[in-house]
N, C-alpha and C. Protein backbone atom coordinates (compact mmCIF):
# COMPACT_ATOMS: atom_id res chain seq x y z
N MET A 1 -17.55 32.69 -66.24
CA MET A 1 -18.75 33.42 -66.58
C MET A 1 -18.53 34.12 -67.92
N THR A 2 -19.38 33.83 -68.87
CA THR A 2 -19.29 34.44 -70.19
C THR A 2 -20.35 35.53 -70.31
N ILE A 3 -19.91 36.68 -70.76
CA ILE A 3 -20.84 37.79 -70.97
C ILE A 3 -21.19 37.84 -72.44
N ASP A 4 -22.47 37.87 -72.73
CA ASP A 4 -22.95 37.95 -74.10
C ASP A 4 -22.37 39.18 -74.79
N ASN A 5 -22.02 39.05 -76.07
CA ASN A 5 -21.44 40.17 -76.81
C ASN A 5 -22.35 41.39 -76.84
N ALA A 6 -23.67 41.18 -76.93
CA ALA A 6 -24.61 42.31 -76.95
C ALA A 6 -24.58 43.05 -75.62
N VAL A 7 -24.49 42.32 -74.52
CA VAL A 7 -24.44 42.95 -73.21
C VAL A 7 -23.14 43.72 -73.05
N GLN A 8 -22.05 43.12 -73.51
CA GLN A 8 -20.75 43.80 -73.45
C GLN A 8 -20.77 45.07 -74.29
N LEU A 9 -21.33 44.99 -75.48
CA LEU A 9 -21.42 46.16 -76.35
C LEU A 9 -22.29 47.24 -75.72
N GLU A 10 -23.42 46.85 -75.14
CA GLU A 10 -24.30 47.81 -74.48
C GLU A 10 -23.59 48.51 -73.32
N GLY A 11 -22.85 47.76 -72.54
CA GLY A 11 -22.09 48.35 -71.44
C GLY A 11 -21.08 49.36 -71.92
N ARG A 12 -20.39 49.03 -72.98
CA ARG A 12 -19.39 49.97 -73.53
C ARG A 12 -20.04 51.22 -74.10
N ILE A 13 -21.15 51.05 -74.81
CA ILE A 13 -21.85 52.21 -75.36
C ILE A 13 -22.34 53.12 -74.23
N ASN A 14 -22.87 52.53 -73.18
CA ASN A 14 -23.33 53.33 -72.03
C ASN A 14 -22.18 54.08 -71.39
N ALA A 15 -21.02 53.44 -71.28
CA ALA A 15 -19.85 54.11 -70.71
C ALA A 15 -19.41 55.28 -71.59
N HIS A 16 -19.41 55.08 -72.90
CA HIS A 16 -19.04 56.16 -73.82
C HIS A 16 -20.03 57.32 -73.72
N ARG A 17 -21.29 56.99 -73.62
CA ARG A 17 -22.32 58.04 -73.53
C ARG A 17 -22.15 58.85 -72.25
N ARG A 18 -21.93 58.16 -71.12
CA ARG A 18 -21.74 58.87 -69.85
C ARG A 18 -20.52 59.79 -69.92
N LEU A 19 -19.45 59.29 -70.49
CA LEU A 19 -18.25 60.10 -70.63
C LEU A 19 -18.51 61.29 -71.54
N LEU A 20 -19.19 61.07 -72.65
CA LEU A 20 -19.49 62.14 -73.60
C LEU A 20 -20.38 63.21 -72.96
N VAL A 21 -21.38 62.80 -72.21
CA VAL A 21 -22.26 63.76 -71.53
C VAL A 21 -21.43 64.64 -70.59
N GLU A 22 -20.54 64.02 -69.83
CA GLU A 22 -19.70 64.80 -68.90
C GLU A 22 -18.79 65.77 -69.64
N LEU A 23 -18.14 65.30 -70.70
CA LEU A 23 -17.25 66.17 -71.48
C LEU A 23 -18.01 67.34 -72.11
N VAL A 24 -19.17 67.06 -72.67
CA VAL A 24 -19.96 68.12 -73.30
C VAL A 24 -20.43 69.11 -72.25
N SER A 25 -20.76 68.65 -71.06
CA SER A 25 -21.19 69.58 -70.01
C SER A 25 -20.04 70.49 -69.58
N VAL A 26 -18.83 69.98 -69.58
CA VAL A 26 -17.66 70.81 -69.25
C VAL A 26 -17.42 71.84 -70.35
N VAL A 27 -17.50 71.41 -71.60
CA VAL A 27 -17.31 72.33 -72.72
C VAL A 27 -18.42 73.38 -72.74
N ALA A 28 -19.64 73.00 -72.39
CA ALA A 28 -20.78 73.92 -72.42
C ALA A 28 -20.64 75.05 -71.41
N ALA A 29 -19.72 74.92 -70.47
CA ALA A 29 -19.48 76.01 -69.51
C ALA A 29 -18.85 77.21 -70.19
N ILE A 30 -18.27 77.02 -71.36
CA ILE A 30 -17.69 78.11 -72.14
C ILE A 30 -18.84 78.74 -72.94
N PRO A 31 -19.13 80.02 -72.74
CA PRO A 31 -20.32 80.63 -73.37
C PRO A 31 -20.41 80.43 -74.89
N GLU A 32 -19.32 80.61 -75.60
CA GLU A 32 -19.35 80.45 -77.06
C GLU A 32 -19.65 79.00 -77.44
N ALA A 33 -19.08 78.08 -76.70
CA ALA A 33 -19.32 76.66 -76.97
C ALA A 33 -20.75 76.30 -76.64
N ARG A 34 -21.26 76.85 -75.55
CA ARG A 34 -22.65 76.56 -75.17
C ARG A 34 -23.61 77.01 -76.26
N ALA A 35 -23.39 78.19 -76.81
CA ALA A 35 -24.25 78.68 -77.89
C ALA A 35 -24.21 77.73 -79.09
N ALA A 36 -23.04 77.23 -79.43
CA ALA A 36 -22.91 76.30 -80.55
C ALA A 36 -23.63 74.98 -80.25
N LEU A 37 -23.54 74.51 -79.01
CA LEU A 37 -24.20 73.26 -78.64
C LEU A 37 -25.72 73.41 -78.63
N VAL A 38 -26.20 74.55 -78.15
CA VAL A 38 -27.65 74.80 -78.17
C VAL A 38 -28.15 74.84 -79.61
N SER A 39 -27.37 75.48 -80.48
CA SER A 39 -27.72 75.53 -81.89
C SER A 39 -27.74 74.13 -82.50
N MET A 40 -26.76 73.33 -82.13
CA MET A 40 -26.69 71.96 -82.64
C MET A 40 -27.91 71.16 -82.20
N ALA A 41 -28.36 71.39 -80.97
CA ALA A 41 -29.53 70.67 -80.46
C ALA A 41 -30.80 71.04 -81.23
N ARG A 42 -30.84 72.25 -81.75
CA ARG A 42 -32.01 72.71 -82.51
C ARG A 42 -31.99 72.21 -83.94
N ASP A 43 -30.80 72.02 -84.50
CA ASP A 43 -30.66 71.60 -85.89
C ASP A 43 -31.01 70.13 -86.05
N SER A 44 -31.34 69.78 -87.27
CA SER A 44 -31.64 68.40 -87.58
C SER A 44 -30.93 68.03 -88.87
N GLU A 45 -30.30 66.89 -88.87
CA GLU A 45 -29.66 66.42 -90.08
C GLU A 45 -30.55 65.46 -90.85
N THR A 46 -31.71 65.18 -90.30
CA THR A 46 -32.65 64.29 -90.96
C THR A 46 -33.28 65.02 -92.13
N VAL A 47 -33.37 64.35 -93.25
CA VAL A 47 -33.97 64.93 -94.44
C VAL A 47 -35.45 65.15 -94.19
N SER A 48 -35.92 66.37 -94.46
CA SER A 48 -37.34 66.68 -94.30
C SER A 48 -38.13 66.15 -95.49
N ASP A 49 -39.42 66.02 -95.31
CA ASP A 49 -40.28 65.47 -96.36
C ASP A 49 -40.13 66.16 -97.70
N HIS A 50 -39.99 67.47 -97.68
CA HIS A 50 -39.94 68.22 -98.93
C HIS A 50 -38.55 68.23 -99.57
N GLU A 51 -37.53 67.75 -98.86
CA GLU A 51 -36.17 67.80 -99.39
C GLU A 51 -35.81 66.58 -100.22
N GLU A 52 -36.36 65.45 -99.89
CA GLU A 52 -36.05 64.23 -100.62
C GLU A 52 -37.20 63.26 -100.42
N ASP A 53 -37.57 62.58 -101.47
CA ASP A 53 -38.68 61.64 -101.41
C ASP A 53 -38.17 60.27 -100.97
N PRO A 54 -38.53 59.84 -99.76
CA PRO A 54 -38.07 58.53 -99.30
C PRO A 54 -38.86 57.37 -99.88
N GLY A 55 -39.89 57.65 -100.65
CA GLY A 55 -40.73 56.59 -101.19
C GLY A 55 -41.85 56.26 -100.23
N ILE A 56 -42.57 55.20 -100.54
CA ILE A 56 -43.70 54.81 -99.70
C ILE A 56 -43.20 54.40 -98.33
N GLU A 57 -42.15 53.60 -98.29
CA GLU A 57 -41.57 53.17 -97.02
C GLU A 57 -40.12 53.63 -96.97
N PRO A 58 -39.80 54.55 -96.06
CA PRO A 58 -38.42 55.02 -95.97
C PRO A 58 -37.47 53.86 -95.68
N ASP A 59 -36.28 53.91 -96.27
CA ASP A 59 -35.34 52.83 -96.03
C ASP A 59 -34.64 53.01 -94.68
N ALA A 60 -33.80 52.08 -94.36
CA ALA A 60 -33.14 52.07 -93.05
C ALA A 60 -32.27 53.29 -92.83
N ALA A 61 -31.74 53.88 -93.89
CA ALA A 61 -30.88 55.07 -93.74
C ALA A 61 -31.65 56.22 -93.11
N PHE A 62 -32.90 56.41 -93.49
CA PHE A 62 -33.71 57.48 -92.90
C PHE A 62 -33.96 57.20 -91.43
N ALA A 63 -34.28 55.96 -91.10
CA ALA A 63 -34.53 55.59 -89.71
C ALA A 63 -33.27 55.74 -88.87
N ALA A 64 -32.14 55.31 -89.40
CA ALA A 64 -30.88 55.41 -88.67
C ALA A 64 -30.50 56.87 -88.42
N GLN A 65 -30.74 57.73 -89.40
CA GLN A 65 -30.42 59.14 -89.23
C GLN A 65 -31.30 59.79 -88.17
N GLN A 66 -32.57 59.41 -88.13
CA GLN A 66 -33.48 59.94 -87.11
C GLN A 66 -33.05 59.48 -85.73
N ILE A 67 -32.66 58.22 -85.62
CA ILE A 67 -32.17 57.70 -84.34
C ILE A 67 -30.93 58.46 -83.90
N ALA A 68 -30.01 58.74 -84.83
CA ALA A 68 -28.79 59.49 -84.51
C ALA A 68 -29.13 60.90 -84.06
N ASP A 69 -30.04 61.56 -84.77
CA ASP A 69 -30.46 62.92 -84.37
C ASP A 69 -31.06 62.92 -82.97
N ASP A 70 -31.90 61.94 -82.69
CA ASP A 70 -32.52 61.84 -81.37
C ASP A 70 -31.48 61.62 -80.28
N GLU A 71 -30.48 60.79 -80.56
CA GLU A 71 -29.44 60.51 -79.57
C GLU A 71 -28.57 61.74 -79.33
N ILE A 72 -28.24 62.48 -80.38
CA ILE A 72 -27.46 63.71 -80.22
C ILE A 72 -28.22 64.68 -79.32
N ARG A 73 -29.50 64.86 -79.59
CA ARG A 73 -30.31 65.76 -78.76
C ARG A 73 -30.37 65.29 -77.32
N ALA A 74 -30.51 63.98 -77.11
CA ALA A 74 -30.58 63.44 -75.75
C ALA A 74 -29.26 63.67 -75.01
N ILE A 75 -28.14 63.48 -75.69
CA ILE A 75 -26.83 63.71 -75.07
C ILE A 75 -26.66 65.18 -74.72
N LEU A 76 -27.01 66.06 -75.65
CA LEU A 76 -26.88 67.49 -75.39
C LEU A 76 -27.81 67.93 -74.25
N LYS A 77 -29.02 67.41 -74.22
CA LYS A 77 -29.97 67.75 -73.15
C LYS A 77 -29.42 67.29 -71.79
N ALA A 78 -28.89 66.08 -71.75
CA ALA A 78 -28.33 65.57 -70.50
C ALA A 78 -27.12 66.38 -70.07
N ALA A 79 -26.30 66.78 -71.03
CA ALA A 79 -25.11 67.58 -70.71
C ALA A 79 -25.51 68.96 -70.17
N MET A 80 -26.50 69.58 -70.79
CA MET A 80 -26.95 70.90 -70.32
C MET A 80 -27.57 70.78 -68.93
N ALA A 81 -28.31 69.72 -68.68
CA ALA A 81 -28.89 69.52 -67.35
C ALA A 81 -27.79 69.33 -66.31
N ARG A 82 -26.76 68.59 -66.67
CA ARG A 82 -25.64 68.39 -65.75
C ARG A 82 -24.92 69.71 -65.47
N LEU A 83 -24.75 70.51 -66.51
CA LEU A 83 -24.12 71.83 -66.35
C LEU A 83 -24.94 72.69 -65.39
N GLU A 84 -26.26 72.68 -65.54
CA GLU A 84 -27.13 73.49 -64.69
C GLU A 84 -27.01 73.10 -63.21
N THR A 85 -26.74 71.84 -62.94
CA THR A 85 -26.59 71.43 -61.55
C THR A 85 -25.30 71.96 -60.92
N ARG A 86 -24.33 72.31 -61.77
CA ARG A 86 -23.05 72.83 -61.27
C ARG A 86 -23.04 74.34 -61.15
N ILE A 87 -23.97 75.01 -61.81
CA ILE A 87 -23.97 76.49 -61.80
C ILE A 87 -24.60 77.01 -60.52
């Protein structure tokens, strides 16, 4: 049985994400760390409209950065939710 490379990659990424969510939830139990993580969830590394002109059609770098920001927030949200279930 051969597993497609995309499926294998997706499985590995999902495993890394699950592990990262668990680790972040453990770290978030430390009050100082939790404050830093909440702050990180509020921040955005995506360039705002007024900071840089992406042109008529933003290039892939802008889209990739937005996807990364969204994923960071999703991981932090999942980690905080997991922490809340333990408190």
